Amino acid sequence: MYTAGLRRGEAARLQMEDVDVENGVLRIQESKFHKSRWVPLSPTATRELRRYLRLRAAVVPRSAHNTMLLCSRVGHGYSLEGLSHAVRIVMHNSGIWATGPRVPRVHDFRHAFAVAALKRWYEEGCDVQSELPKLSMYMGHVSIASTTYYLRFMPAVVALASDRFAAACGDLIEGGAV
């Protein structure tokens, strides 16, 4: 979910037929706002997906009734709350958030995905405004306005944007950029 920016419901509804492991893409069907899209995965995420599919095949018997990508041992897909609960257990057992105030919610992974993309584009010197429509489409947003939500309250991205603005326009401000 983190590496693909998926919504909780999108991950829970993924079926085996939605996975193209050879090309490293997931098909998200009829998601929020009735939008469908293809979501490419990174090489490392594709490698982990292949590994998961091998483990899944060893544990969950193949049948026409076992079509969900993420499923329990008995072959049933996760409910939204069941998926959230499973993620909380994994996060708690990992020990990463053992001392934190709360374990991240599934939606926090989606937010982290968007923030990481924006931060990476600023650091690479990309034209972030031209990249936003791509991020919007990738995440299945109905408009770019929905994507700009992720631009708020992100100190690391705001600092990078400010540095870029100062480098480009700082000399236009009387007294220089501060």
N, C-alpha and C. Protein backbone atom coordinates (compact mmCIF):
# COMPACT_ATOMS: atom_id res chain seq x y z
N MET A 1 0.83 -1.20 0.00
CA MET A 1 0.00 0.00 0.00
C MET A 1 0.87 1.25 0.00
N TYR A 2 1.97 1.20 0.72
CA TYR A 2 2.84 2.37 0.77
C TYR A 2 3.52 2.61 -0.58
N THR A 3 4.05 1.57 -1.20
CA THR A 3 4.81 1.78 -2.42
C THR A 3 3.94 2.07 -3.63
N ALA A 4 2.63 1.84 -3.53
CA ALA A 4 1.73 2.10 -4.65
C ALA A 4 0.71 3.19 -4.34
N GLY A 5 0.68 3.69 -3.12
CA GLY A 5 -0.25 4.75 -2.76
C GLY A 5 -1.70 4.32 -2.80
N LEU A 6 -1.96 3.06 -2.52
CA LEU A 6 -3.33 2.54 -2.61
C LEU A 6 -4.19 2.95 -1.43
N ARG A 7 -5.46 3.12 -1.69
CA ARG A 7 -6.46 3.28 -0.63
C ARG A 7 -6.68 1.91 0.01
N ARG A 8 -7.16 1.92 1.23
CA ARG A 8 -7.41 0.67 1.96
C ARG A 8 -8.39 -0.21 1.17
N GLY A 9 -9.47 0.37 0.68
CA GLY A 9 -10.46 -0.40 -0.06
C GLY A 9 -9.91 -0.96 -1.37
N GLU A 10 -9.02 -0.21 -2.01
CA GLU A 10 -8.41 -0.68 -3.24
C GLU A 10 -7.57 -1.93 -2.98
N ALA A 11 -6.79 -1.90 -1.92
CA ALA A 11 -5.97 -3.06 -1.57
C ALA A 11 -6.85 -4.25 -1.19
N ALA A 12 -7.89 -4.00 -0.42
CA ALA A 12 -8.77 -5.08 0.03
C ALA A 12 -9.52 -5.72 -1.14
N ARG A 13 -9.83 -4.96 -2.18
CA ARG A 13 -10.60 -5.49 -3.32
C ARG A 13 -9.74 -6.09 -4.43
N LEU A 14 -8.43 -5.99 -4.33
CA LEU A 14 -7.58 -6.55 -5.39
C LEU A 14 -7.82 -8.05 -5.54
N GLN A 15 -7.99 -8.45 -6.78
CA GLN A 15 -8.16 -9.87 -7.09
C GLN A 15 -6.94 -10.37 -7.84
N MET A 16 -6.78 -11.67 -7.88
CA MET A 16 -5.62 -12.25 -8.55
C MET A 16 -5.54 -11.78 -10.01
N GLU A 17 -6.67 -11.63 -10.67
CA GLU A 17 -6.66 -11.19 -12.07
C GLU A 17 -6.23 -9.74 -12.24
N ASP A 18 -6.16 -8.99 -11.15
CA ASP A 18 -5.73 -7.59 -11.19
C ASP A 18 -4.22 -7.44 -11.13
N VAL A 19 -3.52 -8.54 -10.99
CA VAL A 19 -2.07 -8.52 -10.82
C VAL A 19 -1.39 -8.96 -12.10
N ASP A 20 -0.52 -8.11 -12.62
CA ASP A 20 0.34 -8.47 -13.75
C ASP A 20 1.76 -8.44 -13.20
N VAL A 21 2.18 -9.55 -12.65
CA VAL A 21 3.47 -9.61 -11.97
C VAL A 21 4.63 -9.58 -12.97
N GLU A 22 4.39 -9.99 -14.20
CA GLU A 22 5.45 -9.94 -15.22
C GLU A 22 5.82 -8.50 -15.55
N ASN A 23 4.81 -7.63 -15.64
CA ASN A 23 5.06 -6.22 -15.96
C ASN A 23 5.10 -5.33 -14.72
N GLY A 24 4.83 -5.90 -13.56
CA GLY A 24 4.88 -5.14 -12.31
C GLY A 24 3.81 -4.07 -12.21
N VAL A 25 2.57 -4.42 -12.55
CA VAL A 25 1.47 -3.46 -12.45
C VAL A 25 0.26 -4.10 -11.78
N LEU A 26 -0.53 -3.24 -11.14
CA LEU A 26 -1.80 -3.64 -10.54
C LEU A 26 -2.91 -2.90 -11.26
N ARG A 27 -4.03 -3.58 -11.48
CA ARG A 27 -5.20 -2.92 -12.06
C ARG A 27 -6.15 -2.62 -10.92
N ILE A 28 -6.42 -1.35 -10.73
CA ILE A 28 -7.36 -0.90 -9.71
C ILE A 28 -8.68 -0.66 -10.44
N GLN A 29 -9.70 -1.43 -10.08
CA GLN A 29 -10.97 -1.36 -10.79
C GLN A 29 -12.02 -0.62 -9.99
N GLU A 30 -12.72 0.27 -10.68
CA GLU A 30 -13.90 0.93 -10.11
C GLU A 30 -13.66 1.38 -8.67
N SER A 31 -12.66 2.19 -8.49
CA SER A 31 -12.34 2.68 -7.16
C SER A 31 -13.22 3.88 -6.83
N LYS A 32 -12.73 4.69 -5.93
CA LYS A 32 -13.46 5.90 -5.55
C LYS A 32 -13.75 6.73 -6.79
N PHE A 33 -14.92 7.31 -6.87
CA PHE A 33 -15.37 8.09 -8.01
C PHE A 33 -15.50 7.23 -9.27
N HIS A 34 -15.58 5.90 -9.07
CA HIS A 34 -15.78 4.94 -10.17
C HIS A 34 -14.67 5.00 -11.21
N LYS A 35 -13.46 5.29 -10.74
CA LYS A 35 -12.32 5.38 -11.65
C LYS A 35 -11.53 4.07 -11.59
N SER A 36 -11.02 3.67 -12.74
CA SER A 36 -10.13 2.52 -12.83
C SER A 36 -8.79 3.02 -13.35
N ARG A 37 -7.72 2.32 -12.98
CA ARG A 37 -6.40 2.74 -13.43
C ARG A 37 -5.41 1.59 -13.29
N TRP A 38 -4.30 1.70 -13.97
CA TRP A 38 -3.18 0.79 -13.82
C TRP A 38 -2.16 1.47 -12.93
N VAL A 39 -1.61 0.74 -11.98
CA VAL A 39 -0.63 1.29 -11.05
C VAL A 39 0.67 0.49 -11.20
N PRO A 40 1.70 1.13 -11.76
CA PRO A 40 2.99 0.44 -11.86
C PRO A 40 3.65 0.33 -10.49
N LEU A 41 4.35 -0.75 -10.30
CA LEU A 41 5.07 -0.99 -9.05
C LEU A 41 6.57 -0.83 -9.29
N SER A 42 7.26 -0.46 -8.24
CA SER A 42 8.72 -0.38 -8.33
C SER A 42 9.28 -1.80 -8.47
N PRO A 43 10.52 -1.91 -8.94
CA PRO A 43 11.13 -3.25 -9.05
C PRO A 43 11.16 -3.99 -7.71
N THR A 44 11.44 -3.28 -6.61
CA THR A 44 11.48 -3.96 -5.32
C THR A 44 10.07 -4.39 -4.88
N ALA A 45 9.07 -3.56 -5.15
CA ALA A 45 7.69 -3.95 -4.79
C ALA A 45 7.25 -5.13 -5.65
N THR A 46 7.64 -5.15 -6.91
CA THR A 46 7.30 -6.28 -7.79
C THR A 46 7.95 -7.56 -7.29
N ARG A 47 9.20 -7.45 -6.87
CA ARG A 47 9.92 -8.61 -6.33
C ARG A 47 9.21 -9.14 -5.07
N GLU A 48 8.79 -8.23 -4.18
CA GLU A 48 8.08 -8.66 -2.97
C GLU A 48 6.71 -9.25 -3.30
N LEU A 49 6.05 -8.71 -4.32
CA LEU A 49 4.76 -9.26 -4.75
C LEU A 49 4.94 -10.68 -5.25
N ARG A 50 5.98 -10.91 -6.04
CA ARG A 50 6.26 -12.27 -6.52
C ARG A 50 6.49 -13.21 -5.34
N ARG A 51 7.25 -12.74 -4.37
CA ARG A 51 7.52 -13.55 -3.18
C ARG A 51 6.23 -13.86 -2.43
N TYR A 52 5.36 -12.85 -2.27
CA TYR A 52 4.08 -13.05 -1.61
C TYR A 52 3.24 -14.09 -2.38
N LEU A 53 3.21 -13.97 -3.70
CA LEU A 53 2.40 -14.90 -4.49
C LEU A 53 2.89 -16.34 -4.35
N ARG A 54 4.20 -16.53 -4.24
CA ARG A 54 4.73 -17.88 -4.01
C ARG A 54 4.28 -18.40 -2.64
N LEU A 55 4.37 -17.56 -1.61
CA LEU A 55 3.94 -17.96 -0.27
C LEU A 55 2.44 -18.22 -0.24
N ARG A 56 1.68 -17.35 -0.89
CA ARG A 56 0.23 -17.50 -0.94
C ARG A 56 -0.15 -18.82 -1.59
N ALA A 57 0.52 -19.17 -2.70
CA ALA A 57 0.22 -20.42 -3.40
C ALA A 57 0.50 -21.64 -2.53
N ALA A 58 1.50 -21.53 -1.66
CA ALA A 58 1.83 -22.65 -0.78
C ALA A 58 0.84 -22.81 0.37
N VAL A 59 0.19 -21.71 0.75
CA VAL A 59 -0.70 -21.74 1.92
C VAL A 59 -2.18 -21.82 1.54
N VAL A 60 -2.55 -21.10 0.50
CA VAL A 60 -3.96 -20.99 0.13
C VAL A 60 -4.21 -21.83 -1.12
N PRO A 61 -5.10 -22.80 -1.01
CA PRO A 61 -5.36 -23.65 -2.18
C PRO A 61 -5.99 -22.86 -3.33
N ARG A 62 -5.64 -23.26 -4.55
CA ARG A 62 -6.20 -22.60 -5.74
C ARG A 62 -7.61 -23.12 -5.97
N SER A 63 -8.50 -22.20 -6.24
CA SER A 63 -9.86 -22.57 -6.62
C SER A 63 -10.53 -21.35 -7.23
N ALA A 64 -11.65 -21.59 -7.89
CA ALA A 64 -12.41 -20.49 -8.49
C ALA A 64 -12.96 -19.56 -7.42
N HIS A 65 -13.06 -20.05 -6.19
CA HIS A 65 -13.60 -19.25 -5.08
C HIS A 65 -12.52 -18.45 -4.36
N ASN A 66 -11.29 -18.65 -4.75
CA ASN A 66 -10.17 -18.02 -4.08
C ASN A 66 -9.54 -16.98 -5.00
N THR A 67 -10.26 -15.90 -5.26
CA THR A 67 -9.81 -14.93 -6.24
C THR A 67 -9.16 -13.69 -5.63
N MET A 68 -9.31 -13.48 -4.34
CA MET A 68 -8.78 -12.27 -3.71
C MET A 68 -7.26 -12.36 -3.57
N LEU A 69 -6.58 -11.27 -3.88
CA LEU A 69 -5.12 -11.23 -3.76
C LEU A 69 -4.71 -11.35 -2.29
N LEU A 70 -5.29 -10.51 -1.45
CA LEU A 70 -4.98 -10.56 -0.02
C LEU A 70 -6.07 -11.37 0.66
N CYS A 71 -5.68 -12.49 1.22
CA CYS A 71 -6.70 -13.36 1.80
C CYS A 71 -6.15 -14.08 3.02
N SER A 72 -7.09 -14.60 3.77
CA SER A 72 -6.71 -15.39 4.94
C SER A 72 -6.42 -16.82 4.48
N ARG A 73 -6.03 -17.62 5.39
CA ARG A 73 -5.69 -19.01 5.08
C ARG A 73 -6.87 -19.74 4.44
N VAL A 74 -8.08 -19.39 4.83
CA VAL A 74 -9.25 -20.08 4.28
C VAL A 74 -9.66 -19.51 2.93
N GLY A 75 -8.97 -18.51 2.44
CA GLY A 75 -9.21 -18.00 1.11
C GLY A 75 -10.22 -16.89 1.00
N HIS A 76 -10.61 -16.32 2.10
CA HIS A 76 -11.54 -15.20 2.08
C HIS A 76 -10.77 -13.89 2.06
N GLY A 77 -11.29 -12.92 1.33
CA GLY A 77 -10.66 -11.60 1.31
C GLY A 77 -10.88 -10.89 2.63
N TYR A 78 -10.11 -9.86 2.84
CA TYR A 78 -10.22 -9.06 4.06
C TYR A 78 -11.35 -8.03 3.93
N SER A 79 -12.02 -7.80 5.03
CA SER A 79 -12.91 -6.65 5.11
C SER A 79 -12.02 -5.43 5.31
N LEU A 80 -12.60 -4.23 5.20
CA LEU A 80 -11.80 -3.03 5.41
C LEU A 80 -11.23 -3.00 6.82
N GLU A 81 -12.07 -3.31 7.80
CA GLU A 81 -11.58 -3.31 9.18
C GLU A 81 -10.61 -4.45 9.42
N GLY A 82 -10.85 -5.59 8.78
CA GLY A 82 -9.93 -6.72 8.92
C GLY A 82 -8.55 -6.40 8.38
N LEU A 83 -8.51 -5.69 7.25
CA LEU A 83 -7.23 -5.29 6.68
C LEU A 83 -6.53 -4.29 7.59
N SER A 84 -7.27 -3.33 8.10
CA SER A 84 -6.68 -2.35 9.03
C SER A 84 -6.13 -3.04 10.26
N HIS A 85 -6.88 -4.00 10.77
CA HIS A 85 -6.44 -4.74 11.96
C HIS A 85 -5.16 -5.53 11.66
N ALA A 86 -5.12 -6.18 10.49
CA ALA A 86 -3.92 -6.95 10.12
C ALA A 86 -2.71 -6.04 10.00
N VAL A 87 -2.88 -4.86 9.42
CA VAL A 87 -1.77 -3.91 9.29
C VAL A 87 -1.31 -3.44 10.67
N ARG A 88 -2.26 -3.16 11.57
CA ARG A 88 -1.89 -2.75 12.94
C ARG A 88 -1.08 -3.84 13.63
N ILE A 89 -1.46 -5.09 13.45
CA ILE A 89 -0.72 -6.19 14.07
C ILE A 89 0.70 -6.27 13.51
N VAL A 90 0.83 -6.15 12.20
CA VAL A 90 2.16 -6.19 11.58
C VAL A 90 3.01 -5.04 12.10
N MET A 91 2.44 -3.84 12.16
CA MET A 91 3.21 -2.68 12.63
C MET A 91 3.60 -2.85 14.10
N HIS A 92 2.68 -3.33 14.90
CA HIS A 92 2.99 -3.53 16.32
C HIS A 92 4.07 -4.59 16.48
N ASN A 93 3.92 -5.70 15.78
CA ASN A 93 4.89 -6.80 15.90
C ASN A 93 6.26 -6.44 15.34
N SER A 94 6.31 -5.47 14.42
CA SER A 94 7.59 -5.06 13.85
C SER A 94 8.46 -4.35 14.88
N GLY A 95 7.81 -3.77 15.90
CA GLY A 95 8.53 -3.03 16.92
C GLY A 95 8.89 -1.62 16.50
N ILE A 96 8.61 -1.27 15.27
CA ILE A 96 8.97 0.06 14.78
C ILE A 96 8.22 1.14 15.55
N TRP A 97 6.95 0.90 15.83
CA TRP A 97 6.14 1.91 16.51
C TRP A 97 5.81 1.50 17.94
N ALA A 98 6.66 0.71 18.53
CA ALA A 98 6.39 0.21 19.88
C ALA A 98 6.29 1.35 20.90
N THR A 99 7.04 2.42 20.70
CA THR A 99 7.03 3.51 21.68
C THR A 99 6.26 4.73 21.19
N GLY A 100 5.74 4.67 19.97
CA GLY A 100 5.02 5.81 19.41
C GLY A 100 3.65 5.97 20.04
N PRO A 101 3.03 7.12 19.83
CA PRO A 101 1.71 7.38 20.42
C PRO A 101 0.61 6.51 19.82
N ARG A 102 0.77 6.15 18.53
CA ARG A 102 -0.22 5.28 17.90
C ARG A 102 0.41 4.60 16.69
N VAL A 103 -0.13 3.47 16.33
CA VAL A 103 0.32 2.76 15.14
C VAL A 103 -0.28 3.48 13.94
N PRO A 104 0.47 3.62 12.84
CA PRO A 104 -0.07 4.30 11.67
C PRO A 104 -1.34 3.63 11.14
N ARG A 105 -2.23 4.46 10.61
CA ARG A 105 -3.41 3.93 9.94
C ARG A 105 -3.01 3.57 8.51
N VAL A 106 -3.81 2.73 7.87
CA VAL A 106 -3.52 2.36 6.49
C VAL A 106 -3.45 3.61 5.61
N HIS A 107 -4.34 4.57 5.82
CA HIS A 107 -4.34 5.77 5.00
C HIS A 107 -3.06 6.59 5.18
N ASP A 108 -2.40 6.45 6.32
CA ASP A 108 -1.13 7.15 6.53
C ASP A 108 -0.07 6.69 5.52
N PHE A 109 -0.15 5.44 5.07
CA PHE A 109 0.80 4.96 4.06
C PHE A 109 0.56 5.68 2.74
N ARG A 110 -0.69 5.91 2.40
CA ARG A 110 -1.03 6.63 1.16
C ARG A 110 -0.49 8.06 1.23
N HIS A 111 -0.69 8.69 2.37
CA HIS A 111 -0.18 10.05 2.56
C HIS A 111 1.34 10.07 2.45
N ALA A 112 2.00 9.11 3.09
CA ALA A 112 3.46 9.04 3.04
C ALA A 112 3.95 8.82 1.60
N PHE A 113 3.21 8.04 0.83
CA PHE A 113 3.55 7.82 -0.58
C PHE A 113 3.54 9.15 -1.34
N ALA A 114 2.47 9.92 -1.17
CA ALA A 114 2.34 11.21 -1.88
C ALA A 114 3.43 12.19 -1.45
N VAL A 115 3.68 12.27 -0.16
CA VAL A 115 4.70 13.18 0.36
C VAL A 115 6.08 12.77 -0.17
N ALA A 116 6.37 11.48 -0.18
CA ALA A 116 7.67 11.01 -0.67
C ALA A 116 7.86 11.36 -2.14
N ALA A 117 6.80 11.22 -2.94
CA ALA A 117 6.89 11.57 -4.37
C ALA A 117 7.18 13.05 -4.54
N LEU A 118 6.45 13.89 -3.81
CA LEU A 118 6.65 15.34 -3.91
C LEU A 118 8.06 15.73 -3.46
N LYS A 119 8.50 15.18 -2.37
CA LYS A 119 9.83 15.48 -1.84
C LYS A 119 10.91 15.05 -2.83
N ARG A 120 10.75 13.86 -3.39
CA ARG A 120 11.72 13.36 -4.37
C ARG A 120 11.79 14.29 -5.59
N TRP A 121 10.64 14.75 -6.07
CA TRP A 121 10.63 15.63 -7.25
C TRP A 121 11.33 16.95 -6.95
N TYR A 122 11.09 17.51 -5.76
CA TYR A 122 11.79 18.76 -5.40
C TYR A 122 13.29 18.51 -5.33
N GLU A 123 13.69 17.42 -4.69
CA GLU A 123 15.11 17.13 -4.54
C GLU A 123 15.79 16.88 -5.88
N GLU A 124 15.06 16.31 -6.84
CA GLU A 124 15.62 16.01 -8.17
C GLU A 124 15.54 17.22 -9.10
N GLY A 125 14.94 18.32 -8.63
CA GLY A 125 14.84 19.51 -9.45
C GLY A 125 13.76 19.44 -10.52
N CYS A 126 12.81 18.54 -10.36
CA CYS A 126 11.72 18.40 -11.34
C CYS A 126 10.78 19.60 -11.28
N ASP A 127 10.04 19.79 -12.34
CA ASP A 127 8.98 20.78 -12.37
C ASP A 127 7.77 20.15 -11.67
N VAL A 128 7.62 20.41 -10.39
CA VAL A 128 6.60 19.75 -9.58
C VAL A 128 5.20 20.02 -10.11
N GLN A 129 4.96 21.23 -10.60
CA GLN A 129 3.63 21.54 -11.14
C GLN A 129 3.27 20.64 -12.32
N SER A 130 4.24 20.29 -13.14
CA SER A 130 3.94 19.40 -14.26
C SER A 130 3.84 17.94 -13.82
N GLU A 131 4.40 17.62 -12.67
CA GLU A 131 4.33 16.26 -12.15
C GLU A 131 3.02 16.00 -11.40
N LEU A 132 2.40 17.04 -10.85
CA LEU A 132 1.18 16.86 -10.06
C LEU A 132 0.06 16.13 -10.80
N PRO A 133 -0.19 16.43 -12.08
CA PRO A 133 -1.24 15.66 -12.77
C PRO A 133 -0.94 14.16 -12.83
N LYS A 134 0.34 13.82 -12.95
CA LYS A 134 0.72 12.40 -12.96
C LYS A 134 0.42 11.76 -11.62
N LEU A 135 0.78 12.44 -10.54
CA LEU A 135 0.50 11.92 -9.21
C LEU A 135 -1.01 11.80 -8.99
N SER A 136 -1.74 12.80 -9.45
CA SER A 136 -3.19 12.79 -9.33
C SER A 136 -3.80 11.57 -10.02
N MET A 137 -3.36 11.30 -11.23
CA MET A 137 -3.88 10.16 -11.98
C MET A 137 -3.44 8.85 -11.32
N TYR A 138 -2.19 8.78 -10.91
CA TYR A 138 -1.64 7.58 -10.28
C TYR A 138 -2.43 7.21 -9.02
N MET A 139 -2.79 8.24 -8.25
CA MET A 139 -3.50 7.99 -7.00
C MET A 139 -5.01 7.86 -7.17
N GLY A 140 -5.49 8.08 -8.39
CA GLY A 140 -6.92 7.94 -8.64
C GLY A 140 -7.75 9.09 -8.15
N HIS A 141 -7.15 10.28 -8.07
CA HIS A 141 -7.90 11.45 -7.64
C HIS A 141 -8.80 11.94 -8.76
N VAL A 142 -9.90 12.56 -8.36
CA VAL A 142 -10.83 13.08 -9.35
C VAL A 142 -10.29 14.35 -9.99
N SER A 143 -9.42 15.07 -9.30
CA SER A 143 -8.83 16.29 -9.84
C SER A 143 -7.50 16.57 -9.14
N ILE A 144 -6.74 17.49 -9.72
CA ILE A 144 -5.47 17.88 -9.10
C ILE A 144 -5.71 18.54 -7.75
N ALA A 145 -6.85 19.20 -7.59
CA ALA A 145 -7.16 19.85 -6.31
C ALA A 145 -7.12 18.84 -5.17
N SER A 146 -7.54 17.62 -5.44
CA SER A 146 -7.49 16.58 -4.40
C SER A 146 -6.04 16.23 -4.06
N THR A 147 -5.18 16.28 -5.05
CA THR A 147 -3.77 15.94 -4.84
C THR A 147 -3.05 17.05 -4.07
N THR A 148 -3.43 18.28 -4.30
CA THR A 148 -2.74 19.38 -3.63
C THR A 148 -2.96 19.36 -2.12
N TYR A 149 -3.93 18.57 -1.66
CA TYR A 149 -4.13 18.39 -0.22
C TYR A 149 -2.83 17.94 0.43
N TYR A 150 -2.06 17.11 -0.28
CA TYR A 150 -0.83 16.57 0.28
C TYR A 150 0.29 17.60 0.37
N LEU A 151 0.09 18.75 -0.27
CA LEU A 151 1.10 19.80 -0.21
C LEU A 151 1.08 20.55 1.11
N ARG A 152 -0.02 20.45 1.83
CA ARG A 152 -0.16 21.18 3.09
C ARG A 152 0.54 20.45 4.24
N PHE A 153 1.01 21.21 5.17
CA PHE A 153 1.55 20.69 6.44
C PHE A 153 2.66 19.66 6.25
N MET A 154 3.53 19.91 5.28
CA MET A 154 4.65 19.02 5.04
C MET A 154 5.93 19.84 5.15
N PRO A 155 6.47 19.97 6.32
CA PRO A 155 7.64 20.82 6.52
C PRO A 155 8.79 20.53 5.56
N ALA A 156 9.07 19.27 5.29
CA ALA A 156 10.20 18.94 4.41
C ALA A 156 9.95 19.44 3.00
N VAL A 157 8.74 19.27 2.49
CA VAL A 157 8.42 19.71 1.13
C VAL A 157 8.33 21.23 1.08
N VAL A 158 7.73 21.83 2.10
CA VAL A 158 7.63 23.29 2.15
C VAL A 158 9.02 23.92 2.16
N ALA A 159 9.94 23.34 2.92
CA ALA A 159 11.31 23.87 2.96
C ALA A 159 11.98 23.76 1.60
N LEU A 160 11.80 22.64 0.92
CA LEU A 160 12.39 22.47 -0.41
C LEU A 160 11.78 23.46 -1.40
N ALA A 161 10.46 23.66 -1.33
CA ALA A 161 9.80 24.62 -2.22
C ALA A 161 10.29 26.04 -1.93
N SER A 162 10.45 26.37 -0.66
CA SER A 162 10.94 27.70 -0.29
C SER A 162 12.36 27.93 -0.78
N ASP A 163 13.21 26.91 -0.65
CA ASP A 163 14.58 27.02 -1.14
C ASP A 163 14.60 27.24 -2.66
N ARG A 164 13.75 26.51 -3.35
CA ARG A 164 13.69 26.66 -4.81
C ARG A 164 13.21 28.06 -5.19
N PHE A 165 12.19 28.54 -4.48
CA PHE A 165 11.68 29.89 -4.75
C PHE A 165 12.76 30.93 -4.47
N ALA A 166 13.45 30.78 -3.35
CA ALA A 166 14.50 31.74 -3.00
C ALA A 166 15.61 31.75 -4.05
N ALA A 167 15.98 30.58 -4.56
CA ALA A 167 17.02 30.50 -5.58
C ALA A 167 16.58 31.16 -6.88
N ALA A 168 15.29 30.99 -7.22
CA ALA A 168 14.79 31.52 -8.49
C ALA A 168 14.39 32.98 -8.40
N CYS A 169 13.88 33.41 -7.26
CA CYS A 169 13.28 34.75 -7.18
C CYS A 169 13.79 35.59 -6.01
N GLY A 170 14.71 35.05 -5.24
CA GLY A 170 15.17 35.76 -4.06
C GLY A 170 15.75 37.13 -4.34
N ASP A 171 16.42 37.27 -5.48
CA ASP A 171 17.02 38.56 -5.80
C ASP A 171 15.98 39.61 -6.22
N LEU A 172 14.76 39.17 -6.48
CA LEU A 172 13.69 40.12 -6.85
C LEU A 172 13.07 40.79 -5.63
N ILE A 173 13.30 40.20 -4.47
CA ILE A 173 12.75 40.74 -3.23
C ILE A 173 13.78 41.69 -2.65
N GLU A 174 13.34 42.87 -2.30
CA GLU A 174 14.25 43.87 -1.76
C GLU A 174 14.93 43.31 -0.52
N GLY A 175 16.22 43.37 -0.48
CA GLY A 175 16.98 42.88 0.66
C GLY A 175 17.38 41.42 0.49
N GLY A 176 16.95 40.78 -0.58
CA GLY A 176 17.31 39.37 -0.82
C GLY A 176 16.40 38.43 -0.06
N ALA A 177 16.58 37.15 -0.33
CA ALA A 177 15.77 36.11 0.32
C ALA A 177 16.26 35.89 1.73
N VAL A 178 15.35 35.62 2.62
CA VAL A 178 15.70 35.37 4.00
C VAL A 178 15.53 33.90 4.30
